[in-house]
Amino acid sequence: DLHEIAALLKDERTVYYGDVYMTRRQVLYAGPFSAYKIMFKNICQQAIFYPRCVFESYSFDRRYKLWADHALNIALYGDRTFRFTYIDKKVCLYNDHTGASSHTEDAVFKADRPSLIRTHLPSVLFLLYLLRNVASRVKRWSACLLTSR
C-alpha cells in the first residue's frame, strides 16, 4: 500500500526504492543495491522515489533515451550528499511485455557507461567494472573456441 510506503519516506536526502513484480517473466525484481551492483544493473524506475532536492542538483540526461534513470542513479551513488535506502516491499507490478527498454538497447548509454562510472564512482569500482568486462569477454571467446572444435 502506497500510504504505508509514503510514511517511510522521511529523509529529504534519501532516495528510497522497493521491489517490482515483472509480469511477463513472473519474477520479483528485488533487493538492495550497492554501488558495485548499480554499475551493471539498475533499480527499476517504477520502484524508486526521488526526493525533490535531487532535481535541484541533477536532471535526467535526455541523450539517454531509455536509461537516463540509470545514468542518474550512477551519479547519485557517487554523490555523498544522497543515500539510497531499500524498502523491503513490492511497490508495483511492472509490465515488462511492451516497454521500449525490454526490446531495445540504449546505445548511447551503453557507450557512455564506462565514463559515467569513472566520473561518479570510486576508482576501485571502475577497475572492478573493467575487470568484470574483460572476464566476460574472455569467457565468451573461450566458449567460441570450444564450440568451433
C-alpha atoms as a PDB file:
ATOM      1  CA  ASP A   1       0.000   0.000   0.000  1.00  0.00           C
ATOM      2  CA  LEU A   2       1.456   3.382  -1.011  1.00  0.00           C
ATOM      3  CA  HIS A   3       0.244   5.039   2.215  1.00  0.00           C
ATOM      4  CA  GLU A   4       2.440   2.622   4.127  1.00  0.00           C
ATOM      5  CA  ILE A   5       5.419   3.374   1.873  1.00  0.00           C
ATOM      6  CA  ALA A   6       4.840   7.146   1.982  1.00  0.00           C
ATOM      7  CA  ALA A   7       5.164   7.042   5.765  1.00  0.00           C
ATOM      8  CA  LEU A   8       8.696   5.656   5.333  1.00  0.00           C
ATOM      9  CA  LEU A   9       9.877   8.489   3.048  1.00  0.00           C
ATOM     10  CA  LYS A  10      11.212  10.750   5.779  1.00  0.00           C
ATOM     11  CA  ASP A  11      14.708  11.893   4.842  1.00  0.00           C
ATOM     12  CA  GLU A  12      14.915  14.531   2.117  1.00  0.00           C
ATOM     13  CA  ARG A  13      18.441  13.398   1.169  1.00  0.00           C
ATOM     14  CA  THR A  14      17.497   9.744   0.695  1.00  0.00           C
ATOM     15  CA  VAL A  15      16.448   8.009  -2.490  1.00  0.00           C
ATOM     16  CA  TYR A  16      14.079   5.228  -1.464  1.00  0.00           C
ATOM     17  CA  TYR A  17      13.327   2.190  -3.596  1.00  0.00           C
ATOM     18  CA  GLY A  18      11.464  -1.077  -3.336  1.00  0.00           C
ATOM     19  CA  ASP A  19      10.671  -4.179  -5.373  1.00  0.00           C
ATOM     20  CA  VAL A  20       8.674  -4.733  -8.532  1.00  0.00           C
ATOM     21  CA  TYR A  21       6.983  -7.830  -9.855  1.00  0.00           C
ATOM     22  CA  MET A  22       7.701  -8.366 -13.565  1.00  0.00           C
ATOM     23  CA  THR A  23       4.529  -9.815 -15.009  1.00  0.00           C
ATOM     24  CA  ARG A  24       5.885 -11.361 -18.240  1.00  0.00           C
ATOM     25  CA  ARG A  25       8.835 -13.097 -16.626  1.00  0.00           C
ATOM     26  CA  GLN A  26       6.877 -13.715 -13.422  1.00  0.00           C
ATOM     27  CA  VAL A  27       9.826 -12.740 -11.246  1.00  0.00           C
ATOM     28  CA  LEU A  28      10.313 -10.353  -8.388  1.00  0.00           C
ATOM     29  CA  TYR A  29      12.975  -7.763  -9.254  1.00  0.00           C
ATOM     30  CA  ALA A  30      14.044  -7.145  -5.732  1.00  0.00           C
ATOM     31  CA  GLY A  31      16.635  -6.493  -3.114  1.00  0.00           C
ATOM     32  CA  PRO A  32      19.129  -3.910  -2.010  1.00  0.00           C
ATOM     33  CA  PHE A  33      21.626  -2.308  -4.386  1.00  0.00           C
ATOM     34  CA  SER A  34      25.225  -1.280  -3.828  1.00  0.00           C
ATOM     35  CA  ALA A  35      27.491   0.993  -5.848  1.00  0.00           C
ATOM     36  CA  TYR A  36      29.008  -2.154  -7.374  1.00  0.00           C
ATOM     37  CA  LYS A  37      25.620  -3.557  -8.385  1.00  0.00           C
ATOM     38  CA  ILE A  38      24.424  -0.240  -9.846  1.00  0.00           C
ATOM     39  CA  MET A  39      27.284  -0.360 -12.367  1.00  0.00           C
ATOM     40  CA  PHE A  40      25.737  -3.391 -14.061  1.00  0.00           C
ATOM     41  CA  LYS A  41      22.052  -3.342 -13.194  1.00  0.00           C
ATOM     42  CA  ASN A  42      19.609  -0.545 -12.479  1.00  0.00           C
ATOM     43  CA  ILE A  43      16.965  -0.071  -9.834  1.00  0.00           C
ATOM     44  CA  CYS A  44      13.622  -0.414 -11.541  1.00  0.00           C
ATOM     45  CA  GLN A  45      12.354   3.077 -12.341  1.00  0.00           C
ATOM     46  CA  GLN A  46       8.831   2.177 -11.260  1.00  0.00           C
ATOM     47  CA  ALA A  47      10.050   1.347  -7.748  1.00  0.00           C
ATOM     48  CA  ILE A  48      12.151   4.398  -6.960  1.00  0.00           C
ATOM     49  CA  PHE A  49      11.196   7.535  -5.031  1.00  0.00           C
ATOM     50  CA  TYR A  50      13.497  10.512  -5.605  1.00  0.00           C
ATOM     51  CA  PRO A  51      13.267  13.391  -3.150  1.00  0.00           C
ATOM     52  CA  ARG A  52      12.634  16.773  -4.735  1.00  0.00           C
ATOM     53  CA  CYS A  53      16.107  18.031  -3.792  1.00  0.00           C
ATOM     54  CA  VAL A  54      17.698  15.526  -6.200  1.00  0.00           C
ATOM     55  CA  PHE A  55      16.307  17.577  -9.063  1.00  0.00           C
ATOM     56  CA  GLU A  56      17.675  20.806  -7.631  1.00  0.00           C
ATOM     57  CA  SER A  57      21.155  19.431  -8.428  1.00  0.00           C
ATOM     58  CA  TYR A  58      20.512  16.837 -11.139  1.00  0.00           C
ATOM     59  CA  SER A  59      18.300  16.141 -14.111  1.00  0.00           C
ATOM     60  CA  PHE A  60      17.733  13.236 -16.443  1.00  0.00           C
ATOM     61  CA  ASP A  61      20.196  13.324 -19.323  1.00  0.00           C
ATOM     62  CA  ARG A  62      17.980  13.316 -22.396  1.00  0.00           C
ATOM     63  CA  ARG A  63      20.737  11.854 -24.557  1.00  0.00           C
ATOM     64  CA  TYR A  64      19.829   8.535 -22.943  1.00  0.00           C
ATOM     65  CA  LYS A  65      16.503   7.619 -24.494  1.00  0.00           C
ATOM     66  CA  LEU A  66      15.892   4.584 -22.268  1.00  0.00           C
ATOM     67  CA  TRP A  67      18.365   4.579 -19.402  1.00  0.00           C
ATOM     68  CA  ALA A  68      18.531   8.180 -18.229  1.00  0.00           C
ATOM     69  CA  ASP A  69      17.444   6.949 -14.799  1.00  0.00           C
ATOM     70  CA  HIS A  70      20.364   4.517 -14.696  1.00  0.00           C
ATOM     71  CA  ALA A  71      22.802   7.337 -15.502  1.00  0.00           C
ATOM     72  CA  LEU A  72      21.191   9.446 -12.768  1.00  0.00           C
ATOM     73  CA  ASN A  73      21.447   6.609 -10.246  1.00  0.00           C
ATOM     74  CA  ILE A  74      25.149   6.111 -11.004  1.00  0.00           C
ATOM     75  CA  ALA A  75      25.734   9.828 -10.425  1.00  0.00           C
ATOM     76  CA  LEU A  76      23.715   9.821  -7.203  1.00  0.00           C
ATOM     77  CA  TYR A  77      25.547   6.783  -5.843  1.00  0.00           C
ATOM     78  CA  GLY A  78      28.778   8.747  -6.204  1.00  0.00           C
ATOM     79  CA  ASP A  79      27.371  11.872  -4.556  1.00  0.00           C
ATOM     80  CA  ARG A  80      27.888  11.659  -0.800  1.00  0.00           C
ATOM     81  CA  THR A  81      25.066  14.103  -0.101  1.00  0.00           C
ATOM     82  CA  PHE A  82      22.495  11.453  -1.067  1.00  0.00           C
ATOM     83  CA  ARG A  83      21.896   7.947   0.206  1.00  0.00           C
ATOM     84  CA  PHE A  84      19.875   5.056  -1.126  1.00  0.00           C
ATOM     85  CA  THR A  85      17.584   3.099   1.175  1.00  0.00           C
ATOM     86  CA  TYR A  86      15.897  -0.134   0.237  1.00  0.00           C
ATOM     87  CA  ILE A  87      12.287  -0.677   1.315  1.00  0.00           C
ATOM     88  CA  ASP A  88      11.507  -4.386   1.505  1.00  0.00           C
ATOM     89  CA  LYS A  89       8.071  -4.026  -0.115  1.00  0.00           C
ATOM     90  CA  LYS A  90       6.560  -4.680  -3.523  1.00  0.00           C
ATOM     91  CA  VAL A  91       5.981  -1.201  -4.937  1.00  0.00           C
ATOM     92  CA  CYS A  92       4.381  -2.090  -8.263  1.00  0.00           C
ATOM     93  CA  LEU A  93       3.513  -4.636 -10.898  1.00  0.00           C
ATOM     94  CA  TYR A  94       5.728  -3.915 -13.879  1.00  0.00           C
ATOM     95  CA  ASN A  95       4.570  -4.557 -17.424  1.00  0.00           C
ATOM     96  CA  ASP A  96       7.743  -5.967 -18.942  1.00  0.00           C
ATOM     97  CA  HIS A  97       5.755  -7.094 -22.017  1.00  0.00           C
ATOM     98  CA  THR A  98       5.605  -3.956 -24.096  1.00  0.00           C
ATOM     99  CA  GLY A  99       8.007  -1.383 -22.662  1.00  0.00           C
ATOM    100  CA  ALA A 100      10.645   0.000 -25.022  1.00  0.00           C
ATOM    101  CA  SER A 101      13.513  -0.915 -22.700  1.00  0.00           C
ATOM    102  CA  SER A 102      12.515  -4.584 -22.751  1.00  0.00           C
ATOM    103  CA  HIS A 103      13.014  -4.748 -26.543  1.00  0.00           C
ATOM    104  CA  THR A 104      15.562  -2.017 -27.317  1.00  0.00           C
ATOM    105  CA  GLU A 105      19.036  -1.100 -26.175  1.00  0.00           C
ATOM    106  CA  ASP A 106      20.182   2.417 -25.313  1.00  0.00           C
ATOM    107  CA  ALA A 107      23.368   2.500 -27.400  1.00  0.00           C
ATOM    108  CA  VAL A 108      24.388   5.981 -26.222  1.00  0.00           C
ATOM    109  CA  PHE A 109      24.133   4.959 -22.563  1.00  0.00           C
ATOM    110  CA  LYS A 110      25.974   1.710 -23.251  1.00  0.00           C
ATOM    111  CA  ALA A 111      28.827   3.643 -24.879  1.00  0.00           C
ATOM    112  CA  ASP A 112      28.917   6.224 -22.060  1.00  0.00           C
ATOM    113  CA  ARG A 113      28.550   3.819 -19.120  1.00  0.00           C
ATOM    114  CA  PRO A 114      32.320   3.380 -18.516  1.00  0.00           C
ATOM    115  CA  SER A 115      32.878   7.150 -18.403  1.00  0.00           C
ATOM    116  CA  LEU A 116      29.839   7.623 -16.132  1.00  0.00           C
ATOM    117  CA  ILE A 117      31.258   5.039 -13.743  1.00  0.00           C
ATOM    118  CA  ARG A 118      34.766   6.514 -13.930  1.00  0.00           C
ATOM    119  CA  THR A 119      33.405  10.032 -13.311  1.00  0.00           C
ATOM    120  CA  HIS A 120      30.974   9.338 -10.479  1.00  0.00           C
ATOM    121  CA  LEU A 121      32.116   6.249  -8.597  1.00  0.00           C
ATOM    122  CA  PRO A 122      35.353   5.437  -6.733  1.00  0.00           C
ATOM    123  CA  SER A 123      38.330   4.380  -8.875  1.00  0.00           C
ATOM    124  CA  VAL A 124      38.413   0.897  -7.382  1.00  0.00           C
ATOM    125  CA  LEU A 125      34.865   0.291  -8.630  1.00  0.00           C
ATOM    126  CA  PHE A 126      35.811   1.453 -12.103  1.00  0.00           C
ATOM    127  CA  LEU A 127      38.704  -1.044 -12.074  1.00  0.00           C
ATOM    128  CA  LEU A 128      36.327  -3.812 -10.958  1.00  0.00           C
ATOM    129  CA  TYR A 129      33.956  -2.825 -13.769  1.00  0.00           C
ATOM    130  CA  LEU A 130      36.777  -3.119 -16.317  1.00  0.00           C
ATOM    131  CA  LEU A 131      37.942  -6.459 -14.890  1.00  0.00           C
ATOM    132  CA  ARG A 132      34.435  -7.905 -14.996  1.00  0.00           C
ATOM    133  CA  ASN A 133      34.043  -6.834 -18.622  1.00  0.00           C
ATOM    134  CA  VAL A 134      37.387  -8.378 -19.576  1.00  0.00           C
ATOM    135  CA  ALA A 135      36.479 -11.614 -17.772  1.00  0.00           C
ATOM    136  CA  SER A 136      33.142 -11.704 -19.591  1.00  0.00           C
ATOM    137  CA  ARG A 137      34.852 -11.280 -22.982  1.00  0.00           C
ATOM    138  CA  VAL A 138      37.406 -13.999 -22.198  1.00  0.00           C
ATOM    139  CA  LYS A 139      34.592 -16.347 -21.182  1.00  0.00           C
ATOM    140  CA  ARG A 140      32.691 -15.696 -24.449  1.00  0.00           C
ATOM    141  CA  TRP A 141      35.884 -16.031 -26.501  1.00  0.00           C
ATOM    142  CA  SER A 142      36.826 -19.329 -24.852  1.00  0.00           C
ATOM    143  CA  ALA A 143      33.280 -20.650 -25.338  1.00  0.00           C
ATOM    144  CA  CYS A 144      33.556 -19.823 -29.052  1.00  0.00           C
ATOM    145  CA  LEU A 145      36.882 -21.634 -29.272  1.00  0.00           C
ATOM    146  CA  LEU A 146      35.462 -24.729 -27.579  1.00  0.00           C
ATOM    147  CA  THR A 147      32.383 -24.872 -29.808  1.00  0.00           C
ATOM    148  CA  SER A 148      34.397 -24.418 -33.020  1.00  0.00           C
ATOM    149  CA  ARG A 149      36.401 -27.622 -32.437  1.00  0.00           C
END
